[in-house]
Amino acid sequence: MTDEFNTALPSIRQVQTFIKDSTEVEVKLSTSDLVVGKVRWQDMNCLCVVDHYDQPTIIWKQAIVFIKPKLA
């Protein structure tokens, strides 16, 4: 893995779009947990999802099974 944050990758750009648009997402984890909220930021290793109580959860990207927009 490089030490650079590669914004040319489609997955990085998609998460950045979720952040920019304040899209509510569902993040499924390898533990079978489901985290719902808005992505506040991402870096090379983690992303932060803030729930509807304004509580942040920092998630290691290695633990993510999928991220998708939450349906209304």
N, C-alpha and C. Protein backbone atom coordinates (compact mmCIF):
# COMPACT_ATOMS: atom_id res chain seq x y z
N MET A 1 0.85 -1.18 0.00
CA MET A 1 0.00 0.00 0.00
C MET A 1 0.90 1.25 0.00
N THR A 2 0.50 2.24 -0.75
CA THR A 2 1.29 3.47 -0.79
C THR A 2 0.86 4.39 0.34
N ASP A 3 1.66 5.42 0.56
CA ASP A 3 1.34 6.39 1.60
C ASP A 3 0.50 7.54 1.08
N GLU A 4 0.07 7.45 -0.19
CA GLU A 4 -0.72 8.52 -0.77
C GLU A 4 -2.19 8.16 -0.80
N PHE A 5 -3.01 9.18 -0.65
CA PHE A 5 -4.47 9.03 -0.73
C PHE A 5 -4.84 9.23 -2.19
N ASN A 6 -5.17 8.17 -2.89
CA ASN A 6 -5.38 8.21 -4.32
C ASN A 6 -6.82 8.59 -4.67
N THR A 7 -7.04 9.87 -4.92
CA THR A 7 -8.39 10.36 -5.22
C THR A 7 -8.83 10.01 -6.64
N ALA A 8 -7.98 9.35 -7.41
CA ALA A 8 -8.37 8.91 -8.75
C ALA A 8 -9.16 7.60 -8.70
N LEU A 9 -9.12 6.90 -7.57
CA LEU A 9 -9.85 5.64 -7.46
C LEU A 9 -11.36 5.90 -7.38
N PRO A 10 -12.15 5.12 -8.12
CA PRO A 10 -13.60 5.32 -8.11
C PRO A 10 -14.23 5.18 -6.72
N SER A 11 -13.73 4.27 -5.91
CA SER A 11 -14.29 4.08 -4.57
C SER A 11 -14.07 5.32 -3.71
N ILE A 12 -12.88 5.92 -3.80
CA ILE A 12 -12.58 7.13 -3.05
C ILE A 12 -13.47 8.27 -3.51
N ARG A 13 -13.62 8.40 -4.83
CA ARG A 13 -14.47 9.47 -5.38
C ARG A 13 -15.92 9.29 -4.97
N GLN A 14 -16.41 8.04 -4.93
CA GLN A 14 -17.80 7.80 -4.55
C GLN A 14 -18.04 8.20 -3.09
N VAL A 15 -17.12 7.83 -2.20
CA VAL A 15 -17.27 8.22 -0.80
C VAL A 15 -17.19 9.73 -0.67
N GLN A 16 -16.29 10.37 -1.43
CA GLN A 16 -16.21 11.83 -1.41
C GLN A 16 -17.53 12.46 -1.85
N THR A 17 -18.20 11.85 -2.81
CA THR A 17 -19.52 12.34 -3.25
C THR A 17 -20.53 12.20 -2.13
N PHE A 18 -20.50 11.07 -1.40
CA PHE A 18 -21.39 10.91 -0.24
C PHE A 18 -21.15 12.02 0.78
N ILE A 19 -19.89 12.36 1.00
CA ILE A 19 -19.55 13.42 1.96
C ILE A 19 -20.06 14.76 1.46
N LYS A 20 -19.76 15.09 0.20
CA LYS A 20 -20.14 16.39 -0.38
C LYS A 20 -21.65 16.58 -0.39
N ASP A 21 -22.39 15.52 -0.72
CA ASP A 21 -23.85 15.59 -0.84
C ASP A 21 -24.58 15.31 0.47
N SER A 22 -23.85 15.03 1.55
CA SER A 22 -24.44 14.66 2.85
C SER A 22 -25.44 13.52 2.71
N THR A 23 -25.06 12.52 1.93
CA THR A 23 -25.91 11.37 1.68
C THR A 23 -25.89 10.43 2.89
N GLU A 24 -27.07 10.03 3.34
CA GLU A 24 -27.12 9.04 4.41
C GLU A 24 -26.79 7.67 3.81
N VAL A 25 -25.92 6.94 4.48
CA VAL A 25 -25.44 5.66 3.96
C VAL A 25 -25.63 4.55 4.98
N GLU A 26 -25.58 3.33 4.47
CA GLU A 26 -25.51 2.13 5.29
C GLU A 26 -24.13 1.53 5.07
N VAL A 27 -23.43 1.26 6.16
CA VAL A 27 -22.10 0.64 6.09
C VAL A 27 -22.19 -0.72 6.77
N LYS A 28 -22.07 -1.78 5.99
CA LYS A 28 -22.08 -3.14 6.52
C LYS A 28 -20.66 -3.53 6.88
N LEU A 29 -20.49 -4.05 8.09
CA LEU A 29 -19.15 -4.41 8.57
C LEU A 29 -18.96 -5.93 8.56
N SER A 30 -17.73 -6.35 8.57
CA SER A 30 -17.42 -7.78 8.56
C SER A 30 -17.92 -8.48 9.81
N THR A 31 -18.26 -7.72 10.85
CA THR A 31 -18.83 -8.28 12.07
C THR A 31 -20.34 -8.47 11.97
N SER A 32 -20.90 -8.14 10.81
CA SER A 32 -22.35 -8.17 10.51
C SER A 32 -23.09 -6.98 11.09
N ASP A 33 -22.38 -6.04 11.74
CA ASP A 33 -23.02 -4.82 12.22
C ASP A 33 -23.35 -3.94 11.02
N LEU A 34 -24.37 -3.10 11.18
CA LEU A 34 -24.75 -2.14 10.17
C LEU A 34 -24.71 -0.76 10.81
N VAL A 35 -23.90 0.13 10.25
CA VAL A 35 -23.78 1.50 10.74
C VAL A 35 -24.50 2.39 9.74
N VAL A 36 -25.42 3.22 10.26
CA VAL A 36 -26.20 4.11 9.40
C VAL A 36 -25.91 5.55 9.80
N GLY A 37 -25.67 6.38 8.82
CA GLY A 37 -25.42 7.80 9.08
C GLY A 37 -24.80 8.46 7.87
N LYS A 38 -24.18 9.61 8.12
CA LYS A 38 -23.54 10.37 7.05
C LYS A 38 -22.03 10.30 7.23
N VAL A 39 -21.34 10.07 6.11
CA VAL A 39 -19.88 10.03 6.16
C VAL A 39 -19.38 11.46 6.33
N ARG A 40 -18.62 11.70 7.37
CA ARG A 40 -18.09 13.03 7.63
C ARG A 40 -16.74 13.22 6.97
N TRP A 41 -15.85 12.18 7.04
CA TRP A 41 -14.53 12.28 6.42
C TRP A 41 -14.01 10.87 6.15
N GLN A 42 -12.98 10.82 5.31
CA GLN A 42 -12.26 9.57 5.08
C GLN A 42 -10.78 9.88 4.94
N ASP A 43 -9.98 8.91 5.31
CA ASP A 43 -8.55 8.99 5.04
C ASP A 43 -8.13 7.65 4.44
N MET A 44 -6.86 7.38 4.37
CA MET A 44 -6.39 6.15 3.75
C MET A 44 -6.86 4.90 4.48
N ASN A 45 -7.04 4.99 5.79
CA ASN A 45 -7.34 3.81 6.59
C ASN A 45 -8.76 3.74 7.13
N CYS A 46 -9.37 4.88 7.36
CA CYS A 46 -10.64 4.91 8.07
C CYS A 46 -11.63 5.86 7.41
N LEU A 47 -12.89 5.73 7.84
CA LEU A 47 -13.87 6.76 7.56
C LEU A 47 -14.69 6.98 8.81
N CYS A 48 -15.28 8.15 8.91
CA CYS A 48 -16.08 8.51 10.07
C CYS A 48 -17.52 8.68 9.65
N VAL A 49 -18.41 7.94 10.29
CA VAL A 49 -19.85 8.02 10.03
C VAL A 49 -20.51 8.62 11.27
N VAL A 50 -21.31 9.65 11.06
CA VAL A 50 -22.02 10.32 12.15
C VAL A 50 -23.48 9.92 12.08
N ASP A 51 -24.01 9.36 13.18
CA ASP A 51 -25.40 8.90 13.19
C ASP A 51 -26.37 10.04 13.47
N HIS A 52 -27.66 9.72 13.55
CA HIS A 52 -28.68 10.76 13.73
C HIS A 52 -28.66 11.37 15.13
N TYR A 53 -27.88 10.82 16.05
CA TYR A 53 -27.66 11.42 17.38
C TYR A 53 -26.40 12.28 17.39
N ASP A 54 -25.80 12.47 16.22
CA ASP A 54 -24.56 13.23 16.04
C ASP A 54 -23.37 12.56 16.73
N GLN A 55 -23.43 11.22 16.85
CA GLN A 55 -22.35 10.44 17.44
C GLN A 55 -21.46 9.89 16.32
N PRO A 56 -20.17 10.22 16.35
CA PRO A 56 -19.27 9.71 15.31
C PRO A 56 -18.81 8.29 15.59
N THR A 57 -18.68 7.52 14.54
CA THR A 57 -18.11 6.18 14.60
C THR A 57 -16.98 6.14 13.58
N ILE A 58 -15.78 5.83 14.03
CA ILE A 58 -14.65 5.69 13.13
C ILE A 58 -14.54 4.22 12.75
N ILE A 59 -14.53 3.96 11.46
CA ILE A 59 -14.55 2.59 10.94
C ILE A 59 -13.28 2.36 10.13
N TRP A 60 -12.57 1.30 10.45
CA TRP A 60 -11.42 0.90 9.65
C TRP A 60 -11.94 0.38 8.32
N LYS A 61 -11.37 0.83 7.22
CA LYS A 61 -11.83 0.41 5.89
C LYS A 61 -11.70 -1.09 5.70
N GLN A 62 -10.75 -1.73 6.37
CA GLN A 62 -10.58 -3.18 6.27
C GLN A 62 -11.81 -3.93 6.79
N ALA A 63 -12.60 -3.29 7.65
CA ALA A 63 -13.76 -3.94 8.24
C ALA A 63 -15.04 -3.78 7.41
N ILE A 64 -14.97 -3.00 6.34
CA ILE A 64 -16.16 -2.69 5.55
C ILE A 64 -16.43 -3.78 4.53
N VAL A 65 -17.69 -4.25 4.51
CA VAL A 65 -18.15 -5.20 3.50
C VAL A 65 -18.73 -4.41 2.33
N PHE A 66 -19.61 -3.42 2.63
CA PHE A 66 -20.12 -2.55 1.59
C PHE A 66 -20.60 -1.24 2.18
N ILE A 67 -20.69 -0.23 1.32
CA ILE A 67 -21.29 1.06 1.65
C ILE A 67 -22.30 1.35 0.55
N LYS A 68 -23.52 1.72 0.95
CA LYS A 68 -24.52 2.07 -0.05
C LYS A 68 -25.40 3.18 0.49
N PRO A 69 -25.98 3.98 -0.41
CA PRO A 69 -26.91 5.01 0.03
C PRO A 69 -28.11 4.37 0.71
N LYS A 70 -28.57 4.98 1.79
CA LYS A 70 -29.74 4.47 2.50
C LYS A 70 -30.98 4.87 1.74
N LEU A 71 -31.85 3.93 1.51
CA LEU A 71 -33.11 4.21 0.82
C LEU A 71 -34.07 4.90 1.78
N ALA A 72 -34.84 5.83 1.28
CA ALA A 72 -35.78 6.59 2.12
C ALA A 72 -36.88 5.74 2.67
